[in-house]
Protein backbone atom coordinates (compact mmCIF):
# COMPACT_ATOMS: atom_id res chain seq x y z
CA MET A 1 -13.85 204.56 135.87
CA ALA A 2 -11.53 206.53 133.28
CA LYS A 3 -9.71 206.17 129.73
CA ILE A 4 -6.30 207.32 130.42
CA THR A 5 -3.75 207.49 126.92
CA SER A 6 -0.98 204.89 128.76
CA LEU A 7 -0.24 202.51 131.44
CA PRO A 8 2.02 204.32 134.08
CA SER A 9 5.12 202.59 134.47
CA PRO A 10 5.42 199.41 136.84
CA GLU A 11 6.70 201.86 139.95
CA ILE A 12 3.52 203.76 139.85
CA ILE A 13 1.17 200.90 139.46
CA ARG A 14 2.88 199.14 142.19
CA GLY A 15 2.51 202.54 144.28
CA PHE A 16 -1.52 202.51 144.21
CA LYS A 17 -1.97 198.95 144.47
CA GLY A 18 -4.97 199.13 146.78
CA LEU A 19 -6.21 202.38 146.21
CA ILE A 20 -6.26 202.80 141.92
CA ASP A 21 -6.49 199.98 139.51
CA PHE A 22 -5.01 200.18 135.96
CA VAL A 23 -6.20 197.97 133.20
CA GLU A 24 -6.79 197.33 129.39
CA TRP A 25 -9.16 196.12 127.55
CA ARG A 26 -9.26 195.99 123.98
CA GLY A 27 -6.51 198.35 123.67
CA ILE A 28 -8.03 200.45 125.69
CA PHE A 29 -6.45 201.94 128.91
CA TYR A 30 -8.48 202.49 132.12
CA VAL A 31 -7.90 203.45 135.76
CA ARG A 32 -10.71 202.68 138.29
CA LYS A 33 -11.04 202.64 142.06
CA TRP A 34 -9.69 199.27 143.59
CA PRO A 35 -12.08 196.37 143.27
CA ILE A 36 -13.33 195.48 147.11
CA THR A 37 -14.94 192.29 147.25
CA PRO A 38 -17.54 192.17 149.83
CA ARG A 39 -16.29 190.50 153.10
CA SER A 40 -18.81 188.00 153.20
CA SER A 41 -17.85 186.84 150.18
CA LEU A 42 -14.64 185.61 151.37
CA SER A 43 -14.22 181.83 152.28
CA ALA A 44 -12.47 181.04 155.57
CA ALA A 45 -8.62 180.55 153.71
CA HIS A 46 -8.72 183.87 153.11
CA PHE A 47 -9.16 185.16 156.44
CA GLU A 48 -6.54 182.35 157.57
CA ARG A 49 -3.93 183.38 155.13
CA ALA A 50 -4.68 187.20 156.01
CA ALA A 51 -4.30 186.33 159.43
CA LEU A 52 -0.63 184.61 158.61
CA PHE A 53 0.02 187.35 156.29
CA GLY A 54 -0.41 189.76 159.69
CA GLU A 55 2.02 187.76 161.69
CA ILE A 56 4.40 187.68 159.25
CA VAL A 57 4.53 191.63 158.87
CA LYS A 58 4.41 192.19 162.55
CA ALA A 59 7.56 189.96 163.00
CA TYR A 60 9.51 192.05 160.67
CA SER A 61 9.77 194.15 163.95
CA LEU A 62 11.26 191.37 165.65
CA LEU A 63 13.81 190.35 163.97
CA ALA A 64 17.54 190.65 164.63
CA GLY A 65 19.58 194.02 163.70
CA ASN A 66 21.62 192.44 160.71
CA VAL A 67 18.74 190.60 159.36
CA ILE A 68 16.98 193.36 158.84
CA ALA A 69 20.16 195.35 158.28
CA TYR A 70 20.45 192.31 154.96
CA TYR A 71 17.58 193.11 153.66
CA GLN A 72 17.41 197.04 154.40
CA ASN A 73 20.72 196.73 151.61
CA MET A 74 18.81 194.04 149.27
CA ALA A 75 16.07 196.91 149.19
CA GLN A 76 18.43 199.32 147.36
CA GLY A 77 17.58 200.71 144.11
CA ILE A 78 14.14 199.00 143.80
CA PRO A 79 10.62 199.56 144.29
CA ARG A 80 10.15 197.06 147.31
CA THR A 81 11.20 197.63 150.85
CA ALA A 82 13.06 195.38 153.47
CA ARG A 83 9.69 194.76 155.26
CA ASP A 84 8.47 193.45 151.64
CA LEU A 85 11.69 191.09 151.01
CA HIS A 86 11.15 189.62 154.08
CA VAL A 87 7.21 188.22 153.93
CA SER A 88 8.52 187.15 150.28
CA ALA A 89 11.42 185.36 151.78
CA VAL A 90 9.04 183.85 155.06
CA LEU A 91 6.50 182.84 151.94
CA GLY A 92 9.30 181.28 149.68
CA HIS A 93 8.62 183.72 146.76
CA LEU A 94 11.51 186.21 146.93
CA HIS A 95 12.68 185.17 143.73
CA GLU A 96 9.74 187.64 142.67
CA ARG A 97 12.71 190.09 143.17
CA GLU A 98 13.15 190.25 139.73
CA GLU A 99 13.71 194.42 139.86
CA VAL A 100 16.99 194.40 141.34
CA PRO A 101 19.80 194.60 139.25
CA VAL A 102 22.68 192.31 139.06
CA GLY A 103 26.46 192.85 137.88
CA TRP A 104 27.60 195.94 136.05
CA ILE A 105 25.04 198.28 136.49
CA LEU A 106 25.03 201.81 133.57
CA ILE A 107 25.49 204.92 135.90
CA ALA A 108 26.44 206.96 132.71
CA ASP A 109 27.77 207.11 129.68
CA VAL A 110 29.40 210.15 127.59
CA LEU A 111 30.30 210.22 124.07
CA LEU A 112 31.95 213.46 123.14
CA ALA A 113 30.13 215.37 120.51
CA ALA A 114 33.06 217.87 120.10
CA PRO A 115 36.77 218.32 121.00
CA ALA A 116 36.22 218.91 125.62
CA ALA A 117 38.60 219.19 128.37
CA THR A 118 37.24 216.25 130.91
CA ILE A 119 34.80 213.66 130.86
CA ASP A 120 33.34 214.27 134.50
CA PHE A 121 31.20 211.73 136.08
CA GLN A 122 29.08 213.13 139.08
CA ASN A 123 26.76 212.32 141.61
CA ILE A 124 28.02 208.88 142.25
CA PRO A 125 25.54 206.97 143.84
CA GLN A 126 27.43 205.66 146.90
CA THR A 127 24.63 202.15 146.43
CA TYR A 128 27.74 199.81 144.88
CA LYS A 129 31.03 197.66 145.67
CA TYR A 130 32.59 198.74 143.20
CA LEU A 131 33.28 201.03 140.17
CA VAL A 132 34.29 199.94 135.95
CA ILE A 133 35.03 202.93 133.81
CA LEU A 134 35.56 201.57 130.49
CA TYR A 135 37.02 204.22 127.82
CA SER A 136 38.20 204.38 124.36
CA LEU A 137 40.05 208.26 124.20
CA ARG A 138 42.31 210.48 122.00
CA SER A 139 43.63 213.50 122.71
CA ASP A 140 44.34 216.47 120.53
CA ARG A 141 47.85 217.36 121.12
CA PRO A 142 49.19 218.71 118.49
CA ALA A 143 52.32 217.21 116.31
CA GLU A 144 52.91 214.80 118.74
CA ASN A 145 51.36 210.80 119.45
CA ILE A 146 51.11 210.91 122.52
CA ASP A 147 49.79 212.03 125.79
CA GLY A 148 48.55 211.28 129.05
CA LEU A 149 45.38 209.92 130.67
CA GLY A 150 44.67 211.74 133.94
CA VAL A 151 42.16 210.68 136.55
CA ARG A 152 41.52 212.81 139.77
CA PHE A 153 38.59 211.89 142.61
CA ASN A 154 36.08 214.70 143.86
CA ASN A 155 37.66 217.35 141.60
CA SER A 156 40.80 217.00 144.64
CA ASN A 157 44.57 218.29 142.60
CA VAL A 158 46.08 216.39 145.79
CA GLY A 159 47.34 213.00 147.56
CA TYR A 160 47.43 210.73 144.62
CA ASP A 161 49.78 207.51 144.74
CA TRP A 162 50.56 205.91 141.13
CA THR A 163 52.62 203.38 139.32
CA THR A 164 52.65 202.06 135.89
CA LEU A 165 54.35 199.47 133.71
CA HIS A 166 53.76 199.35 129.70
CA ARG A 167 56.40 198.45 127.11
CA GLY A 168 59.65 200.29 127.15
CA GLY A 169 59.08 201.65 129.98
CA ALA A 170 57.53 202.49 133.82
CA GLY A 171 56.48 205.45 135.55
CA GLU A 172 55.59 206.04 139.18
CA ALA A 173 54.57 209.24 141.85
CA PHE A 174 53.61 209.90 145.22
CA ASN A 175 51.95 212.41 146.33
CA ASP A 176 50.58 214.03 143.06
CA SER A 177 48.15 216.60 142.03
CA GLU A 178 46.33 213.43 139.76
CA LEU A 179 46.61 209.64 138.77
CA GLU A 180 48.59 209.59 135.25
CA ILE A 181 47.81 206.04 134.90
CA ALA A 182 47.66 205.36 131.01
CA LEU A 183 48.66 206.60 128.08
CA LEU A 184 46.45 208.12 124.72
CA PRO A 185 46.97 208.39 121.20
CA ALA A 186 47.66 212.09 120.03
CA THR A 187 47.21 214.22 116.74
CA THR A 188 50.10 212.70 114.86
CA SER A 189 49.30 209.27 115.78
CA PRO A 190 46.86 207.15 112.94
CA ALA A 191 43.32 208.02 111.62
CA GLY A 192 40.98 206.91 114.29
CA ALA A 193 43.38 204.90 116.72
CA PHE A 194 42.43 206.06 120.49
CA GLY A 195 43.41 204.08 123.64
CA VAL A 196 41.51 201.89 125.09
CA GLY A 197 41.34 200.26 128.67
CA THR A 198 39.46 199.66 132.03
CA ILE A 199 39.30 201.01 134.92
CA ASN A 200 38.39 199.43 138.73
CA ILE A 201 38.10 201.19 141.32
CA TYR A 202 37.37 199.71 144.71
CA ASP A 203 36.62 200.88 148.21
CA TYR A 204 35.11 204.15 146.90
CA THR A 205 32.16 204.32 150.00
CA ASN A 206 34.12 202.84 152.30
CA PRO A 207 35.50 205.50 154.90
CA SER A 208 38.24 203.45 156.49
CA LYS A 209 39.93 202.63 153.21
CA MET A 210 41.51 205.23 150.80
CA THR A 211 40.27 204.48 147.25
CA HIS A 212 42.38 201.86 145.26
CA LEU A 213 42.50 201.60 140.96
CA GLN A 214 43.62 199.26 139.05
CA LEU A 215 43.98 199.92 135.29
CA LEU A 216 44.41 197.89 132.17
CA GLY A 217 44.97 199.85 129.02
CA SER A 218 46.28 199.68 125.35
CA GLY A 219 46.24 201.80 121.72
CA LEU A 220 48.07 202.29 118.71
CA VAL A 221 50.14 205.67 118.78
CA ARG A 222 52.31 205.26 115.93
CA ALA A 223 51.77 202.96 112.74
CA GLN A 224 54.48 200.48 111.39
CA VAL A 225 57.27 201.21 113.95
CA PRO A 226 58.47 198.46 116.73
CA GLY A 227 57.59 200.15 120.15
CA GLN A 228 54.33 201.98 119.28
CA ILE A 229 52.05 199.40 119.83
CA TYR A 230 51.54 199.77 123.42
CA THR A 231 50.12 197.40 127.06
CA LEU A 232 50.04 199.11 130.20
CA HIS A 233 49.17 198.45 133.45
CA ALA A 234 48.56 200.55 136.60
CA PHE A 235 48.05 201.04 140.31
CA GLY A 236 46.86 204.58 141.66
CA SER A 237 45.41 204.94 145.07
CA TRP A 238 44.04 208.13 146.63
CA ARG A 239 45.29 209.18 150.29
CA THR A 240 41.97 209.97 151.88
CA LEU A 241 39.30 208.27 153.49
CA THR A 242 35.94 210.47 151.53
CA PRO A 243 33.85 208.84 149.15
CA ILE A 244 34.03 208.95 145.91
CA THR A 245 31.46 211.18 144.39
CA ARG A 246 33.10 212.22 141.47
CA ILE A 247 35.12 211.02 138.72
CA THR A 248 37.12 213.04 136.12
CA LEU A 249 39.23 211.56 133.06
CA PHE A 250 40.95 214.22 131.41
CA PRO A 251 44.74 214.40 129.15
CA THR A 252 47.91 215.38 131.25
CA ILE A 253 49.00 217.70 128.53
CA ALA A 254 46.57 218.55 125.97
CA PRO A 255 43.84 221.07 125.98
CA ASN A 256 40.86 218.47 125.21
CA LEU A 257 40.46 214.91 124.00
CA ILE A 258 38.65 214.67 120.59
CA ALA A 259 35.10 214.40 119.43
CA ALA A 260 33.86 210.63 119.52
CA SER A 261 36.19 209.91 122.71
CA GLN A 262 33.32 208.04 125.09
CA ALA A 263 33.54 206.50 128.25
CA SER A 264 31.36 204.57 130.51
CA LEU A 265 30.88 204.33 134.13
CA TYR A 266 29.49 201.16 135.74
CA GLY A 267 28.52 200.51 138.95
CA VAL A 268 29.04 196.88 140.26
CA THR A 269 26.68 195.07 142.74
């Protein structure tokens, strides 16, 4: 037995189960050899439970392929294995899978401390069904009150189709170098005005589908002027079947997004 300064993470503790035991006693943390009960002290009920557990574990290899694939999908991103989940399901304890994230899972959050040309999400995990970006952005385009918001996938500048609809107009382009799908306030817009919106990205890992995108955005570009508060709906697609691992946001005219611009990328399970 040895003293330690603090307990490690639950994942590390579970990883040493059966070998090392981590304990706390009167505010002091210890690590010790896993306690073993002498076989002579074990009850008949214990041996019955052990035999049942062994049969359940062996049965995992006999499951149909689609069932194993289901467990493997459930086990993505958590410490437990597909076989662990199978055992829990048979024993009626599948609710113990508390580590499984459900809903929107934050992948990355970027808040600019200084002006920057882009907000760039790289190495995007391929384990989610959809992606969602929430943004609050403003351009530093000089002497103007409006700029565009561009989006690129995997740093590619070819193959984008998009259309937008907003108060006062619409736009569209085919086989463009980017998705120009929103408007952003710029230098002469009211102080503190940012363009805000939600970008939904579909089929980003499916090699049989193009990546499709929908956006709902809004912003104030000039105070007390009719038509200068906008709400915008956009659709875009990328003419490729390549999975998305990188998403880049940028102003389409100005050099930079200003400090305090922010975007958050979520994965949807």
